[in-house]
Amino acid sequence: LLVGTLGIIFFAIFFREPPKVPTKGGKK
């Protein structure tokens, strides 16, 4: 269940932000 939740959260963040974001995300 934890993996599923983490996956959903990760997917949501990935969908909200561009797929090609820096490792540290200096554009924040």
Protein backbone atom coordinates (compact mmCIF):
# COMPACT_ATOMS: atom_id res chain seq x y z
CA LEU A 1 0.00 0.00 0.00
CA LEU A 2 2.84 2.35 0.86
CA VAL A 3 4.41 1.77 -2.53
CA GLY A 4 1.12 2.55 -4.24
CA THR A 5 0.64 5.76 -2.30
CA LEU A 6 4.21 6.84 -2.99
CA GLY A 7 3.73 6.07 -6.66
CA ILE A 8 0.54 8.13 -6.84
CA ILE A 9 2.20 11.08 -5.07
CA PHE A 10 5.24 10.83 -7.33
CA PHE A 11 3.00 10.66 -10.38
CA ALA A 12 1.03 13.71 -9.23
CA ILE A 13 4.21 15.73 -8.68
CA PHE A 14 5.63 14.55 -12.00
CA PHE A 15 2.39 15.50 -13.77
CA ARG A 16 2.22 18.92 -12.07
CA GLU A 17 5.83 19.82 -12.84
CA PRO A 18 7.62 19.34 -16.18
CA PRO A 19 9.14 15.88 -16.79
CA LYS A 20 12.57 17.39 -17.42
CA VAL A 21 13.24 19.18 -14.13
CA PRO A 22 16.71 19.57 -12.61
CA THR A 23 17.87 17.25 -9.82
CA LYS A 24 17.75 20.07 -7.30
CA GLY A 25 15.07 22.20 -9.01
CA GLY A 26 16.74 25.61 -9.05
CA LYS A 27 13.63 27.01 -10.78
CA LYS A 28 11.70 27.18 -7.50
